[in-house]
N, C-alpha and C. Protein backbone atom coordinates (compact mmCIF):
# COMPACT_ATOMS: atom_id res chain seq x y z
N UNK A 1 55.04 -7.02 103.85
CA UNK A 1 55.91 -6.59 104.73
C UNK A 1 55.34 -5.29 105.35
N UNK A 2 55.79 -5.27 106.57
CA UNK A 2 55.26 -4.23 107.37
C UNK A 2 55.69 -3.02 107.58
N UNK A 3 55.05 -1.83 107.50
CA UNK A 3 55.57 -0.74 107.51
C UNK A 3 55.14 -0.05 108.56
N UNK A 4 55.99 1.46 108.97
CA UNK A 4 55.56 2.21 110.04
C UNK A 4 54.26 2.97 109.31
N UNK A 5 53.79 3.68 110.30
CA UNK A 5 52.80 4.67 110.04
C UNK A 5 53.19 5.63 109.31
N UNK A 6 52.47 6.27 108.40
CA UNK A 6 53.04 7.70 107.67
C UNK A 6 53.45 8.73 108.56
N UNK A 7 52.71 8.93 109.44
CA UNK A 7 53.11 9.94 110.60
C UNK A 7 54.55 9.91 111.32
N UNK A 8 54.58 8.69 111.63
CA UNK A 8 55.75 8.02 112.28
C UNK A 8 56.92 8.46 111.19
N UNK A 9 56.96 8.06 110.08
CA UNK A 9 57.90 8.16 108.95
C UNK A 9 58.39 9.57 108.65
N UNK A 10 57.14 10.23 108.96
CA UNK A 10 57.37 11.90 108.55
C UNK A 10 58.04 12.39 109.74
N UNK A 11 57.77 11.76 110.83
CA UNK A 11 58.39 12.49 111.95
C UNK A 11 60.21 12.08 112.11
N UNK A 12 60.27 10.80 111.68
CA UNK A 12 61.55 10.33 111.83
C UNK A 12 62.32 11.04 110.78
N UNK A 13 61.72 11.25 109.52
CA UNK A 13 62.50 11.72 108.42
C UNK A 13 62.84 13.12 108.69
N UNK A 14 61.72 14.21 109.36
CA UNK A 14 62.08 15.57 109.70
C UNK A 14 63.09 15.62 110.80
N UNK A 15 63.04 14.57 111.67
CA UNK A 15 64.41 14.60 113.11
C UNK A 15 65.48 14.08 112.25
N UNK A 16 65.86 13.30 111.21
CA UNK A 16 66.82 12.96 110.62
C UNK A 16 67.23 14.14 109.85
N UNK A 17 66.52 14.92 109.21
CA UNK A 17 67.12 15.84 108.52
C UNK A 17 67.39 17.20 109.14
N UNK A 18 66.48 17.54 110.16
CA UNK A 18 67.10 18.35 111.23
C UNK A 18 68.25 18.02 111.97
N UNK A 19 68.80 16.91 111.96
CA UNK A 19 69.86 16.37 112.80
C UNK A 19 70.93 16.69 111.87
N UNK A 20 70.84 16.39 110.49
CA UNK A 20 72.22 16.53 109.55
C UNK A 20 72.06 18.25 109.43
N UNK A 21 71.09 18.83 109.61
CA UNK A 21 71.06 20.62 109.57
C UNK A 21 72.29 20.78 110.36
N UNK A 22 71.95 20.34 111.63
CA UNK A 22 72.76 21.09 112.91
C UNK A 22 74.00 20.51 113.02
N UNK A 23 74.32 19.07 112.27
CA UNK A 23 75.72 18.57 111.75
C UNK A 23 76.36 19.73 111.17
N UNK A 24 75.76 20.10 110.02
CA UNK A 24 76.33 20.97 108.90
C UNK A 24 76.14 22.06 109.61
N UNK A 25 75.34 22.87 110.66
CA UNK A 25 76.12 24.13 111.03
C UNK A 25 77.30 24.14 111.97
N UNK A 26 76.97 22.89 112.70
CA UNK A 26 78.38 22.79 113.59
C UNK A 26 79.76 22.84 112.87
N UNK A 27 79.57 22.03 111.54
CA UNK A 27 80.67 22.32 110.75
C UNK A 27 81.06 23.64 110.30
N UNK A 28 80.04 24.08 109.82
CA UNK A 28 80.20 25.56 109.43
C UNK A 28 80.76 26.31 110.54
N UNK A 29 80.40 26.37 111.80
CA UNK A 29 80.81 26.98 112.94
C UNK A 29 82.26 27.00 113.22
N UNK A 30 82.79 25.32 113.09
CA UNK A 30 83.90 25.26 113.47
C UNK A 30 84.98 25.68 112.31
N UNK A 31 84.56 25.95 111.12
CA UNK A 31 85.27 26.50 109.89
C UNK A 31 85.14 28.09 110.25
N UNK A 32 84.52 28.33 110.86
CA UNK A 32 84.33 29.87 110.97
C UNK A 32 85.50 30.18 112.54
N UNK A 33 85.36 29.22 113.13
CA UNK A 33 86.50 29.72 114.69
C UNK A 33 87.69 29.17 113.61
N UNK A 34 87.76 28.24 112.98
CA UNK A 34 89.65 28.17 112.57
C UNK A 34 89.76 29.21 111.70
N UNK A 35 88.76 30.00 110.95
CA UNK A 35 89.38 31.23 110.19
C UNK A 35 89.51 32.35 111.03
N UNK A 36 88.92 32.39 112.14
CA UNK A 36 88.99 33.56 113.14
C UNK A 36 90.33 33.72 113.91
N UNK A 37 90.85 32.13 114.12
CA UNK A 37 91.82 31.76 114.66
C UNK A 37 93.20 32.30 113.90
N UNK A 38 92.96 31.74 112.61
CA UNK A 38 93.70 32.44 111.84
C UNK A 38 94.43 33.52 111.68
N UNK A 39 92.91 34.57 111.55
CA UNK A 39 92.98 35.95 111.33
C UNK A 39 93.66 36.72 112.58
N UNK A 40 93.27 35.76 113.72
CA UNK A 40 93.80 36.69 115.13
C UNK A 40 95.68 36.53 114.74
N UNK A 41 96.49 35.06 114.68
CA UNK A 41 97.43 35.18 114.27
C UNK A 41 97.97 36.19 113.18
N UNK A 42 97.30 36.55 111.95
CA UNK A 42 97.83 37.27 111.12
C UNK A 42 97.85 38.77 111.71
N UNK A 43 96.85 38.97 112.81
CA UNK A 43 96.99 40.58 113.50
C UNK A 43 97.88 40.60 114.51
N UNK A 44 98.30 39.60 115.14
CA UNK A 44 99.21 39.46 116.21
C UNK A 44 100.82 39.43 115.36
N UNK A 45 100.79 39.12 114.31
CA UNK A 45 102.04 39.06 113.61
C UNK A 45 102.24 40.49 112.93
N UNK A 46 101.28 41.34 112.60
CA UNK A 46 101.47 42.66 111.86
C UNK A 46 101.67 43.80 113.28
N UNK A 47 100.64 43.09 114.37
CA UNK A 47 100.96 44.21 115.46
C UNK A 47 102.59 44.19 116.15
N UNK A 48 102.96 42.90 115.79
CA UNK A 48 104.48 42.56 116.19
C UNK A 48 105.28 43.33 115.42
N UNK A 49 105.29 43.26 114.04
CA UNK A 49 106.01 44.07 113.00
C UNK A 49 105.83 45.67 113.20
N UNK A 50 104.66 45.95 113.45
CA UNK A 50 104.47 47.59 113.80
C UNK A 50 104.91 48.25 114.61
N UNK A 51 105.15 47.00 115.96
CA UNK A 51 105.58 47.61 117.06
C UNK A 51 107.17 47.80 117.36
N UNK A 52 107.75 46.57 116.39
CA UNK A 52 109.32 46.56 116.30
C UNK A 52 109.63 47.91 115.79
N UNK A 53 108.60 48.29 114.51
CA UNK A 53 109.14 49.63 113.96
C UNK A 53 109.10 50.81 114.89
N UNK A 54 107.87 50.84 115.54
CA UNK A 54 107.90 51.95 116.39
C UNK A 54 108.54 52.15 117.54
N UNK A 55 109.36 50.81 117.98
CA UNK A 55 110.18 51.03 118.92
C UNK A 55 111.57 51.17 118.23
N UNK A 56 111.67 51.05 117.45
CA UNK A 56 112.94 51.58 116.55
C UNK A 56 113.07 53.08 116.50
N UNK A 57 112.00 53.36 116.08
CA UNK A 57 111.62 54.75 115.60
C UNK A 57 111.42 55.86 116.96
N UNK A 58 110.98 55.54 117.96
CA UNK A 58 110.59 56.29 119.16
C UNK A 58 111.27 55.38 120.34
N UNK A 59 112.07 54.37 120.47
CA UNK A 59 112.84 53.88 121.59
C UNK A 59 111.69 52.76 122.04
N UNK A 60 112.55 52.04 122.89
CA UNK A 60 111.79 50.56 123.30
C UNK A 60 111.43 51.08 124.89
N UNK A 61 111.71 52.34 125.15
CA UNK A 61 110.98 52.45 126.28
C UNK A 61 109.61 53.45 126.23
N UNK A 62 109.19 53.52 124.97
CA UNK A 62 108.22 54.37 124.75
C UNK A 62 106.87 53.59 124.91
N UNK A 63 105.90 54.61 125.43
CA UNK A 63 104.71 54.24 125.69
C UNK A 63 103.63 55.21 124.80
N UNK A 64 102.86 54.66 123.92
CA UNK A 64 102.08 55.39 123.02
C UNK A 64 100.54 55.27 123.04
N UNK A 65 99.81 56.25 123.55
CA UNK A 65 98.40 56.31 124.01
C UNK A 65 97.70 56.33 122.77
N UNK A 66 97.10 54.87 122.57
CA UNK A 66 96.28 54.55 121.47
C UNK A 66 94.91 55.43 121.16
N UNK A 67 94.66 56.19 121.64
CA UNK A 67 93.70 57.22 121.58
C UNK A 67 93.95 58.43 121.07
N UNK A 68 95.22 59.17 121.48
CA UNK A 68 95.92 60.33 120.96
C UNK A 68 97.24 60.22 120.15
N UNK A 69 97.81 59.00 120.27
CA UNK A 69 99.08 58.72 119.47
C UNK A 69 100.16 59.50 120.23
N UNK A 70 100.11 60.10 121.48
CA UNK A 70 100.85 60.76 121.87
C UNK A 70 102.11 59.59 122.58
N UNK A 71 103.25 60.14 122.63
CA UNK A 71 104.28 59.07 122.92
C UNK A 71 104.51 59.59 124.38
N UNK A 72 105.25 59.01 125.05
CA UNK A 72 105.74 59.32 126.59
C UNK A 72 106.81 58.05 126.55
N UNK A 73 107.76 58.50 127.28
CA UNK A 73 109.02 57.56 127.55
C UNK A 73 108.24 56.66 129.04
N UNK A 74 108.48 55.57 129.19
CA UNK A 74 107.91 54.54 130.05
C UNK A 74 108.75 54.90 131.65
N UNK A 75 107.92 55.44 132.68
CA UNK A 75 108.57 55.90 133.85
C UNK A 75 108.85 54.41 134.87
N UNK A 76 109.83 54.65 135.65
CA UNK A 76 110.63 53.67 136.46
C UNK A 76 109.32 52.91 137.00
N UNK A 77 109.65 51.62 137.00
CA UNK A 77 108.32 50.81 137.75
C UNK A 77 106.99 50.28 136.89
N UNK A 78 106.88 51.06 135.64
CA UNK A 78 105.75 50.97 134.74
C UNK A 78 105.91 49.71 133.98
N UNK A 79 105.20 48.66 133.61
CA UNK A 79 105.23 47.82 132.67
C UNK A 79 104.68 48.04 131.42
N UNK A 80 105.31 47.15 130.75
CA UNK A 80 104.83 47.20 129.31
C UNK A 80 103.72 47.01 128.99
């Protein structure tokens, strides 16, 4: 039976191992991406709930400065 050279076998095995490693890393990255997408949805839901509560407390035309917490009323023509 004919066999490939030891150097060729080593190179083939190394490339195969590296290929599998990269495929696994892609899978891990995709799982991280999915987890981050879920986190974004959770944060958006929390933000919406908080926003509704603040609107009930301070009015639908309130504009809150995120740095200072100052509440102003929205001026005519100013977008949300």
